[in-house]
N, C-alpha and C. Protein backbone atom coordinates (compact mmCIF):
# COMPACT_ATOMS: atom_id res chain seq x y z
N MET A 1 10.51 21.19 -5.14
CA MET A 1 11.12 20.81 -3.88
C MET A 1 10.65 19.43 -3.48
N ARG A 2 11.56 18.58 -3.07
CA ARG A 2 11.21 17.23 -2.66
C ARG A 2 11.47 17.10 -1.18
N LEU A 3 10.52 16.52 -0.45
CA LEU A 3 10.64 16.33 0.98
C LEU A 3 10.98 14.88 1.26
N MET A 4 12.05 14.64 1.96
CA MET A 4 12.49 13.29 2.30
C MET A 4 12.56 13.16 3.81
N TYR A 5 12.24 11.99 4.32
CA TYR A 5 12.38 11.70 5.73
C TYR A 5 13.50 10.68 5.87
N VAL A 6 14.48 10.97 6.70
CA VAL A 6 15.57 10.04 6.93
C VAL A 6 15.26 9.29 8.22
N THR A 7 15.25 7.97 8.14
CA THR A 7 14.91 7.16 9.30
C THR A 7 16.17 6.70 10.00
N ARG A 8 16.03 6.23 11.24
CA ARG A 8 17.17 5.69 11.96
C ARG A 8 17.63 4.42 11.27
N ARG A 9 18.91 4.20 11.28
CA ARG A 9 19.46 3.03 10.59
C ARG A 9 20.67 2.53 11.36
N PRO A 10 20.99 1.25 11.22
CA PRO A 10 22.21 0.71 11.84
C PRO A 10 23.44 1.35 11.22
N ALA A 11 24.52 1.38 11.97
CA ALA A 11 25.77 1.98 11.49
C ALA A 11 26.23 1.29 10.21
N GLY A 12 26.69 2.08 9.27
CA GLY A 12 27.23 1.53 8.02
C GLY A 12 26.23 1.42 6.89
N GLN A 13 24.93 1.61 7.15
CA GLN A 13 23.93 1.52 6.09
C GLN A 13 23.62 2.91 5.55
N ALA A 14 23.28 2.97 4.27
CA ALA A 14 22.93 4.25 3.64
C ALA A 14 21.61 4.75 4.20
N PRO A 15 21.40 6.06 4.23
CA PRO A 15 20.13 6.58 4.73
C PRO A 15 18.98 6.18 3.83
N THR A 16 17.82 5.96 4.43
CA THR A 16 16.61 5.61 3.70
C THR A 16 15.75 6.86 3.58
N GLN A 17 15.29 7.15 2.37
CA GLN A 17 14.49 8.34 2.14
C GLN A 17 13.04 7.92 1.90
N HIS A 18 12.13 8.62 2.54
CA HIS A 18 10.71 8.40 2.33
C HIS A 18 10.20 9.51 1.43
N TYR A 19 9.65 9.13 0.30
CA TYR A 19 9.19 10.09 -0.70
C TYR A 19 7.82 10.62 -0.33
N ASP A 20 7.68 11.91 -0.27
CA ASP A 20 6.39 12.54 -0.02
C ASP A 20 5.87 13.04 -1.36
N SER A 21 4.88 12.34 -1.93
CA SER A 21 4.40 12.64 -3.27
C SER A 21 3.75 14.02 -3.36
N ARG A 22 3.32 14.60 -2.24
CA ARG A 22 2.69 15.91 -2.28
C ARG A 22 3.71 17.00 -2.61
N MET A 23 5.01 16.72 -2.40
CA MET A 23 6.04 17.73 -2.61
C MET A 23 6.63 17.69 -4.01
N GLY A 24 6.34 16.68 -4.80
CA GLY A 24 6.86 16.59 -6.16
C GLY A 24 8.19 15.87 -6.20
N ALA A 25 8.75 15.75 -7.39
CA ALA A 25 9.96 14.96 -7.58
C ALA A 25 11.12 15.80 -8.08
N GLY A 26 11.13 17.08 -7.81
CA GLY A 26 12.21 17.92 -8.29
C GLY A 26 13.49 17.72 -7.50
N GLY A 27 14.62 18.06 -8.07
CA GLY A 27 15.88 17.98 -7.35
C GLY A 27 16.57 16.66 -7.55
N PRO A 28 17.86 16.62 -7.24
CA PRO A 28 18.61 15.39 -7.42
C PRO A 28 18.26 14.35 -6.38
N ALA A 29 18.34 13.11 -6.78
CA ALA A 29 18.07 12.02 -5.85
C ALA A 29 19.27 11.83 -4.93
N GLY A 30 19.01 11.57 -3.67
CA GLY A 30 20.08 11.42 -2.70
C GLY A 30 20.51 9.98 -2.57
N LEU A 31 21.25 9.71 -1.51
CA LEU A 31 21.72 8.35 -1.26
C LEU A 31 20.58 7.48 -0.75
N GLY A 32 20.71 6.18 -0.97
CA GLY A 32 19.70 5.25 -0.49
C GLY A 32 18.46 5.24 -1.35
N PRO A 33 17.59 4.28 -1.12
CA PRO A 33 16.37 4.17 -1.94
C PRO A 33 15.33 5.21 -1.57
N THR A 34 14.51 5.57 -2.54
CA THR A 34 13.34 6.39 -2.29
C THR A 34 12.20 5.45 -1.95
N ILE A 35 11.51 5.72 -0.86
CA ILE A 35 10.44 4.85 -0.38
C ILE A 35 9.09 5.47 -0.71
N VAL A 36 8.22 4.68 -1.36
CA VAL A 36 6.83 5.08 -1.60
C VAL A 36 5.97 4.08 -0.86
N ALA A 37 5.20 4.58 0.12
CA ALA A 37 4.34 3.70 0.92
C ALA A 37 2.94 3.66 0.32
N GLU A 38 2.17 2.66 0.74
CA GLU A 38 0.77 2.56 0.32
C GLU A 38 0.02 3.82 0.72
N GLY A 39 -1.02 4.13 -0.03
CA GLY A 39 -1.84 5.30 0.27
C GLY A 39 -2.61 5.11 1.57
N ARG A 40 -2.35 5.98 2.55
CA ARG A 40 -3.03 5.88 3.84
C ARG A 40 -4.52 6.15 3.72
N TRP A 41 -4.91 7.06 2.85
CA TRP A 41 -6.33 7.38 2.74
C TRP A 41 -7.10 6.21 2.15
N GLN A 42 -6.46 5.46 1.23
CA GLN A 42 -7.12 4.30 0.63
C GLN A 42 -7.33 3.21 1.68
N VAL A 43 -6.33 3.00 2.53
CA VAL A 43 -6.45 2.02 3.61
C VAL A 43 -7.56 2.45 4.57
N SER A 44 -7.57 3.74 4.91
CA SER A 44 -8.56 4.25 5.85
C SER A 44 -9.98 4.18 5.29
N VAL A 45 -10.15 4.45 4.00
CA VAL A 45 -11.47 4.35 3.40
C VAL A 45 -11.96 2.91 3.43
N LEU A 46 -11.09 1.98 3.06
CA LEU A 46 -11.47 0.57 3.04
C LEU A 46 -11.88 0.07 4.43
N PHE A 47 -11.00 0.24 5.40
CA PHE A 47 -11.30 -0.27 6.74
C PHE A 47 -12.37 0.57 7.44
N GLY A 48 -12.43 1.87 7.14
CA GLY A 48 -13.48 2.71 7.71
C GLY A 48 -14.86 2.26 7.25
N PHE A 49 -14.98 1.92 5.97
CA PHE A 49 -16.25 1.42 5.45
C PHE A 49 -16.64 0.11 6.12
N LEU A 50 -15.69 -0.82 6.23
CA LEU A 50 -15.99 -2.10 6.86
C LEU A 50 -16.38 -1.93 8.34
N THR A 51 -15.68 -1.06 9.04
CA THR A 51 -15.99 -0.82 10.45
C THR A 51 -17.37 -0.20 10.59
N LEU A 52 -17.67 0.77 9.77
CA LEU A 52 -18.99 1.41 9.82
C LEU A 52 -20.10 0.42 9.48
N ALA A 53 -19.87 -0.42 8.48
CA ALA A 53 -20.88 -1.40 8.08
C ALA A 53 -21.18 -2.37 9.23
N PHE A 54 -20.14 -2.86 9.90
CA PHE A 54 -20.39 -3.81 10.99
C PHE A 54 -20.92 -3.11 12.24
N ALA A 55 -20.65 -1.83 12.41
CA ALA A 55 -21.26 -1.09 13.52
C ALA A 55 -22.76 -0.95 13.28
N VAL A 56 -23.15 -0.69 12.03
CA VAL A 56 -24.58 -0.60 11.69
C VAL A 56 -25.24 -1.97 11.86
N VAL A 57 -24.56 -3.04 11.43
CA VAL A 57 -25.10 -4.39 11.61
C VAL A 57 -25.27 -4.70 13.09
N LEU A 58 -24.32 -4.26 13.90
CA LEU A 58 -24.41 -4.48 15.35
C LEU A 58 -25.65 -3.80 15.93
N VAL A 59 -25.85 -2.54 15.59
CA VAL A 59 -27.00 -1.81 16.13
C VAL A 59 -28.31 -2.41 15.62
N ARG A 60 -28.38 -2.68 14.32
CA ARG A 60 -29.62 -3.25 13.76
C ARG A 60 -29.89 -4.66 14.29
N GLY A 61 -28.82 -5.43 14.47
CA GLY A 61 -28.99 -6.80 14.96
C GLY A 61 -29.44 -6.85 16.40
N VAL A 62 -28.86 -6.00 17.24
CA VAL A 62 -29.25 -5.99 18.66
C VAL A 62 -30.66 -5.46 18.83
N THR A 63 -31.03 -4.42 18.11
CA THR A 63 -32.39 -3.87 18.25
C THR A 63 -33.43 -4.74 17.55
N GLY A 64 -33.03 -5.48 16.53
CA GLY A 64 -34.00 -6.28 15.78
C GLY A 64 -34.17 -7.71 16.27
N ALA A 65 -33.24 -8.17 17.11
CA ALA A 65 -33.35 -9.55 17.61
C ALA A 65 -34.52 -9.65 18.58
N GLN A 66 -35.25 -10.76 18.51
CA GLN A 66 -36.45 -10.90 19.32
C GLN A 66 -36.19 -11.62 20.63
N THR A 67 -35.07 -12.32 20.73
CA THR A 67 -34.77 -13.04 21.97
C THR A 67 -33.46 -12.53 22.55
N THR A 68 -33.27 -12.81 23.83
CA THR A 68 -32.04 -12.41 24.50
C THR A 68 -30.84 -13.15 23.93
N SER A 69 -31.01 -14.43 23.66
CA SER A 69 -29.89 -15.19 23.09
C SER A 69 -29.53 -14.69 21.69
N GLY A 70 -30.51 -14.25 20.94
CA GLY A 70 -30.25 -13.68 19.62
C GLY A 70 -29.48 -12.38 19.72
N ARG A 71 -29.84 -11.53 20.70
CA ARG A 71 -29.12 -10.27 20.92
C ARG A 71 -27.67 -10.54 21.32
N VAL A 72 -27.49 -11.50 22.21
CA VAL A 72 -26.14 -11.83 22.67
C VAL A 72 -25.30 -12.37 21.52
N ALA A 73 -25.87 -13.24 20.70
CA ALA A 73 -25.14 -13.82 19.57
C ALA A 73 -24.72 -12.73 18.58
N VAL A 74 -25.63 -11.82 18.24
CA VAL A 74 -25.31 -10.72 17.32
C VAL A 74 -24.25 -9.82 17.94
N LEU A 75 -24.40 -9.51 19.22
CA LEU A 75 -23.45 -8.65 19.90
C LEU A 75 -22.05 -9.25 19.90
N VAL A 76 -21.94 -10.51 20.27
CA VAL A 76 -20.62 -11.17 20.33
C VAL A 76 -19.99 -11.24 18.93
N LEU A 77 -20.75 -11.68 17.94
CA LEU A 77 -20.23 -11.81 16.58
C LEU A 77 -19.75 -10.46 16.03
N CYS A 78 -20.57 -9.44 16.18
CA CYS A 78 -20.21 -8.14 15.62
C CYS A 78 -19.06 -7.48 16.38
N VAL A 79 -19.01 -7.63 17.68
CA VAL A 79 -17.90 -7.05 18.45
C VAL A 79 -16.59 -7.73 18.08
N VAL A 80 -16.61 -9.05 17.90
CA VAL A 80 -15.39 -9.76 17.49
C VAL A 80 -14.95 -9.29 16.10
N LEU A 81 -15.88 -9.20 15.17
CA LEU A 81 -15.54 -8.74 13.82
C LEU A 81 -15.05 -7.29 13.82
N LEU A 82 -15.68 -6.44 14.61
CA LEU A 82 -15.21 -5.05 14.73
C LEU A 82 -13.79 -4.99 15.28
N ALA A 83 -13.50 -5.81 16.28
CA ALA A 83 -12.15 -5.83 16.86
C ALA A 83 -11.13 -6.31 15.83
N VAL A 84 -11.48 -7.30 15.03
CA VAL A 84 -10.58 -7.80 13.99
C VAL A 84 -10.33 -6.72 12.94
N PHE A 85 -11.38 -6.05 12.47
CA PHE A 85 -11.21 -5.01 11.45
C PHE A 85 -10.41 -3.82 11.98
N ILE A 86 -10.67 -3.40 13.20
CA ILE A 86 -9.95 -2.25 13.75
C ILE A 86 -8.49 -2.59 13.98
N SER A 87 -8.20 -3.80 14.48
CA SER A 87 -6.79 -4.19 14.68
C SER A 87 -6.07 -4.34 13.33
N ALA A 88 -6.75 -4.85 12.31
CA ALA A 88 -6.14 -4.95 10.97
C ALA A 88 -5.90 -3.55 10.40
N TRP A 89 -6.80 -2.64 10.64
CA TRP A 89 -6.67 -1.26 10.19
C TRP A 89 -5.44 -0.62 10.81
N ILE A 90 -5.28 -0.76 12.11
CA ILE A 90 -4.13 -0.18 12.80
C ILE A 90 -2.83 -0.83 12.33
N ARG A 91 -2.83 -2.15 12.19
CA ARG A 91 -1.63 -2.87 11.74
C ARG A 91 -1.25 -2.46 10.31
N THR A 92 -2.23 -2.27 9.46
CA THR A 92 -1.96 -1.86 8.08
C THR A 92 -1.42 -0.43 8.02
N LEU A 93 -1.93 0.44 8.85
CA LEU A 93 -1.42 1.82 8.88
C LEU A 93 -0.01 1.89 9.47
N ARG A 94 0.27 1.05 10.45
CA ARG A 94 1.59 1.10 11.09
C ARG A 94 2.67 0.40 10.29
N HIS A 95 2.30 -0.58 9.48
CA HIS A 95 3.27 -1.34 8.69
C HIS A 95 2.82 -1.43 7.24
N PRO A 96 2.87 -0.33 6.50
CA PRO A 96 2.39 -0.37 5.11
C PRO A 96 3.39 -1.09 4.20
N ALA A 97 2.86 -1.65 3.13
CA ALA A 97 3.74 -2.17 2.08
C ALA A 97 4.41 -0.97 1.43
N ARG A 98 5.57 -1.19 0.80
CA ARG A 98 6.29 -0.05 0.24
C ARG A 98 7.04 -0.45 -1.02
N LEU A 99 7.36 0.57 -1.81
CA LEU A 99 8.24 0.44 -2.96
C LEU A 99 9.56 1.11 -2.59
N GLU A 100 10.67 0.41 -2.83
CA GLU A 100 12.00 0.98 -2.64
C GLU A 100 12.58 1.21 -4.03
N ILE A 101 12.77 2.46 -4.39
CA ILE A 101 13.16 2.81 -5.74
C ILE A 101 14.58 3.36 -5.74
N THR A 102 15.44 2.72 -6.53
CA THR A 102 16.80 3.21 -6.76
C THR A 102 16.99 3.37 -8.26
N GLU A 103 18.16 3.83 -8.65
CA GLU A 103 18.44 3.97 -10.08
C GLU A 103 18.54 2.61 -10.77
N ASP A 104 18.90 1.56 -10.02
CA ASP A 104 19.15 0.24 -10.59
C ASP A 104 17.97 -0.71 -10.51
N ALA A 105 17.07 -0.51 -9.54
CA ALA A 105 16.00 -1.48 -9.33
C ALA A 105 14.83 -0.84 -8.60
N ILE A 106 13.67 -1.47 -8.76
CA ILE A 106 12.47 -1.11 -8.00
C ILE A 106 12.06 -2.37 -7.26
N ARG A 107 11.97 -2.26 -5.94
CA ARG A 107 11.65 -3.43 -5.11
C ARG A 107 10.35 -3.18 -4.37
N TYR A 108 9.42 -4.13 -4.49
CA TYR A 108 8.16 -4.09 -3.75
C TYR A 108 8.33 -4.93 -2.49
N VAL A 109 8.11 -4.31 -1.34
CA VAL A 109 8.26 -5.00 -0.06
C VAL A 109 6.89 -5.04 0.61
N PRO A 110 6.23 -6.21 0.58
CA PRO A 110 4.91 -6.31 1.22
C PRO A 110 5.06 -6.41 2.74
N ARG A 111 3.92 -6.30 3.44
CA ARG A 111 3.95 -6.44 4.90
C ARG A 111 4.49 -7.80 5.30
N LYS A 112 4.05 -8.80 4.61
CA LYS A 112 4.51 -10.18 4.86
C LYS A 112 4.72 -10.82 3.50
N GLY A 113 5.60 -11.78 3.46
CA GLY A 113 5.78 -12.52 2.22
C GLY A 113 7.02 -12.11 1.46
N GLN A 114 7.07 -12.55 0.24
CA GLN A 114 8.24 -12.41 -0.62
C GLN A 114 8.23 -11.05 -1.33
N SER A 115 9.37 -10.39 -1.35
CA SER A 115 9.47 -9.13 -2.09
C SER A 115 9.71 -9.43 -3.57
N ALA A 116 9.33 -8.48 -4.41
CA ALA A 116 9.52 -8.62 -5.85
C ALA A 116 10.39 -7.47 -6.33
N THR A 117 11.20 -7.72 -7.38
CA THR A 117 12.13 -6.71 -7.87
C THR A 117 12.03 -6.59 -9.39
N LEU A 118 12.04 -5.35 -9.86
CA LEU A 118 12.22 -5.05 -11.28
C LEU A 118 13.62 -4.50 -11.43
N SER A 119 14.44 -5.14 -12.25
CA SER A 119 15.83 -4.75 -12.41
C SER A 119 16.00 -3.77 -13.56
N GLY A 120 16.85 -2.80 -13.37
CA GLY A 120 17.15 -1.84 -14.41
C GLY A 120 17.95 -2.44 -15.56
N GLN A 121 18.49 -3.65 -15.38
CA GLN A 121 19.23 -4.31 -16.44
C GLN A 121 18.31 -4.73 -17.59
N GLN A 122 17.02 -4.91 -17.29
CA GLN A 122 16.06 -5.30 -18.32
C GLN A 122 15.60 -4.09 -19.13
N GLY A 123 15.89 -2.90 -18.66
CA GLY A 123 15.47 -1.67 -19.32
C GLY A 123 15.03 -0.67 -18.27
N ASN A 124 14.84 0.59 -18.68
CA ASN A 124 14.44 1.59 -17.70
C ASN A 124 13.14 2.29 -18.07
N GLU A 125 12.41 1.75 -19.05
CA GLU A 125 11.13 2.34 -19.43
C GLU A 125 10.01 1.51 -18.82
N LEU A 126 9.21 2.15 -17.98
CA LEU A 126 8.15 1.48 -17.23
C LEU A 126 6.78 1.81 -17.81
N TYR A 127 5.82 0.99 -17.48
CA TYR A 127 4.42 1.30 -17.77
C TYR A 127 3.55 0.61 -16.74
N PHE A 128 2.37 1.19 -16.51
CA PHE A 128 1.42 0.63 -15.55
C PHE A 128 0.51 -0.37 -16.26
N VAL A 129 0.13 -1.41 -15.53
CA VAL A 129 -0.71 -2.48 -16.06
C VAL A 129 -1.86 -2.69 -15.08
N ARG A 130 -3.05 -2.91 -15.62
CA ARG A 130 -4.17 -3.34 -14.78
C ARG A 130 -4.26 -4.84 -14.86
N ARG A 131 -4.19 -5.50 -13.70
CA ARG A 131 -4.24 -6.95 -13.65
C ARG A 131 -5.54 -7.39 -13.00
N ASN A 132 -6.13 -8.44 -13.57
CA ASN A 132 -7.36 -8.98 -13.02
C ASN A 132 -7.01 -10.12 -12.08
N ARG A 133 -7.42 -9.99 -10.82
CA ARG A 133 -7.17 -11.04 -9.83
C ARG A 133 -8.32 -12.04 -9.78
N GLY A 134 -9.24 -11.91 -10.67
CA GLY A 134 -10.39 -12.81 -10.69
C GLY A 134 -11.65 -12.04 -10.35
N GLY A 135 -12.67 -12.26 -11.11
CA GLY A 135 -13.93 -11.56 -10.86
C GLY A 135 -13.81 -10.08 -11.15
N ARG A 136 -14.24 -9.27 -10.19
CA ARG A 136 -14.24 -7.82 -10.38
C ARG A 136 -13.04 -7.14 -9.74
N ILE A 137 -12.07 -7.87 -9.26
CA ILE A 137 -10.94 -7.29 -8.55
C ILE A 137 -9.81 -7.01 -9.53
N TRP A 138 -9.52 -5.73 -9.73
CA TRP A 138 -8.43 -5.29 -10.59
C TRP A 138 -7.38 -4.63 -9.73
N THR A 139 -6.11 -4.94 -9.99
CA THR A 139 -5.03 -4.33 -9.24
C THR A 139 -4.06 -3.63 -10.19
N LEU A 140 -3.24 -2.77 -9.62
CA LEU A 140 -2.26 -2.03 -10.38
C LEU A 140 -0.96 -2.83 -10.43
N GLY A 141 -0.36 -2.88 -11.61
CA GLY A 141 0.93 -3.55 -11.77
C GLY A 141 1.91 -2.60 -12.43
N LEU A 142 3.19 -2.88 -12.25
CA LEU A 142 4.25 -2.08 -12.84
C LEU A 142 5.13 -3.03 -13.64
N ALA A 143 5.44 -2.67 -14.88
CA ALA A 143 6.21 -3.54 -15.76
C ALA A 143 7.26 -2.75 -16.52
N ILE A 144 8.28 -3.46 -17.00
CA ILE A 144 9.31 -2.86 -17.83
C ILE A 144 8.95 -3.12 -19.28
N MET A 145 9.01 -2.08 -20.10
CA MET A 145 8.67 -2.18 -21.52
C MET A 145 9.53 -3.24 -22.20
N GLY A 146 8.90 -4.11 -22.98
CA GLY A 146 9.61 -5.14 -23.73
C GLY A 146 9.80 -6.43 -22.97
N THR A 147 9.31 -6.52 -21.74
CA THR A 147 9.40 -7.77 -20.97
C THR A 147 8.00 -8.17 -20.56
N ASP A 148 7.86 -9.40 -20.12
CA ASP A 148 6.56 -9.85 -19.64
C ASP A 148 6.52 -9.91 -18.11
N THR A 149 7.52 -9.35 -17.45
CA THR A 149 7.58 -9.32 -15.99
C THR A 149 6.71 -8.19 -15.48
N VAL A 150 5.75 -8.52 -14.61
CA VAL A 150 4.85 -7.52 -14.02
C VAL A 150 4.93 -7.63 -12.51
N MET A 151 5.19 -6.51 -11.86
CA MET A 151 5.20 -6.45 -10.40
C MET A 151 3.82 -6.00 -9.94
N ASP A 152 3.14 -6.86 -9.20
CA ASP A 152 1.80 -6.55 -8.71
C ASP A 152 1.90 -5.60 -7.53
N LEU A 153 1.27 -4.42 -7.63
CA LEU A 153 1.32 -3.41 -6.57
C LEU A 153 0.09 -3.43 -5.67
N GLY A 154 -0.86 -4.31 -5.95
CA GLY A 154 -2.06 -4.35 -5.13
C GLY A 154 -3.00 -3.20 -5.44
N ILE A 155 -3.93 -2.96 -4.54
CA ILE A 155 -4.93 -1.92 -4.79
C ILE A 155 -4.66 -0.64 -4.02
N LEU A 156 -3.63 -0.59 -3.20
CA LEU A 156 -3.44 0.54 -2.30
C LEU A 156 -2.31 1.48 -2.70
N PHE A 157 -1.70 1.30 -3.88
CA PHE A 157 -0.69 2.23 -4.37
C PHE A 157 -1.32 3.14 -5.41
N SER A 158 -0.89 4.37 -5.44
CA SER A 158 -1.42 5.36 -6.38
C SER A 158 -0.41 5.61 -7.49
N ARG A 159 -0.91 5.70 -8.72
CA ARG A 159 -0.04 6.04 -9.84
C ARG A 159 0.61 7.40 -9.63
N THR A 160 -0.14 8.33 -9.05
CA THR A 160 0.36 9.69 -8.85
C THR A 160 1.47 9.76 -7.81
N ALA A 161 1.63 8.74 -6.98
CA ALA A 161 2.75 8.69 -6.03
C ALA A 161 3.93 7.92 -6.60
N VAL A 162 3.65 6.87 -7.36
CA VAL A 162 4.72 6.01 -7.89
C VAL A 162 5.45 6.67 -9.05
N ARG A 163 4.72 7.26 -9.97
CA ARG A 163 5.33 7.83 -11.18
C ARG A 163 6.39 8.90 -10.87
N PRO A 164 6.11 9.95 -10.07
CA PRO A 164 7.14 10.96 -9.83
C PRO A 164 8.35 10.42 -9.09
N ALA A 165 8.13 9.46 -8.18
CA ALA A 165 9.27 8.88 -7.45
C ALA A 165 10.18 8.11 -8.41
N CYS A 166 9.59 7.39 -9.36
CA CYS A 166 10.39 6.66 -10.35
C CYS A 166 11.10 7.63 -11.29
N LEU A 167 10.41 8.67 -11.72
CA LEU A 167 11.02 9.65 -12.61
C LEU A 167 12.20 10.35 -11.93
N ALA A 168 12.08 10.59 -10.64
CA ALA A 168 13.17 11.26 -9.91
C ALA A 168 14.42 10.39 -9.84
N ARG A 169 14.27 9.08 -9.99
CA ARG A 169 15.39 8.15 -9.94
C ARG A 169 15.88 7.73 -11.32
N GLY A 170 15.39 8.36 -12.38
CA GLY A 170 15.90 8.09 -13.72
C GLY A 170 15.11 7.07 -14.52
N TRP A 171 14.02 6.56 -13.99
CA TRP A 171 13.17 5.65 -14.76
C TRP A 171 12.30 6.48 -15.68
N ARG A 172 11.86 5.91 -16.80
CA ARG A 172 11.03 6.61 -17.77
C ARG A 172 9.68 5.91 -17.89
N PHE A 173 8.67 6.67 -18.30
CA PHE A 173 7.34 6.12 -18.55
C PHE A 173 6.94 6.41 -19.98
């Protein structure tokens, strides 16, 4: 059984389906693209760790500072950084990047910036790629077999969510 969420849309546009990876990819694909959003738990773990780390720095800095001006400086710096991390966390959860999957194409739509598309005209057999962004940062990529085109999915998409959604739309791995 596949669970889809139909969102509000302007008149004349096809319904948009949000793919729930917990329900599996069984059943025929409906009208409009299947949407796979970034993993919410991955976003929450990342920003939760950063928020917790700066909260600990705030407490240690205020209690460890020997002067009043030192306490004030640590307090202001850490509160500003905490506010930035928490607002980025909320913004990321409210506006996740997404994959729009149809039988003809897979489109990556980031929060900001240029979207990328893998066309079914190049083939329909996909594979996952690990891409090095420099240093120790590895990200997940999606590519069509026999081409050198790789769509960078970042670090917040799960293979276990992307694969069944693509398979449900006729793509192969």
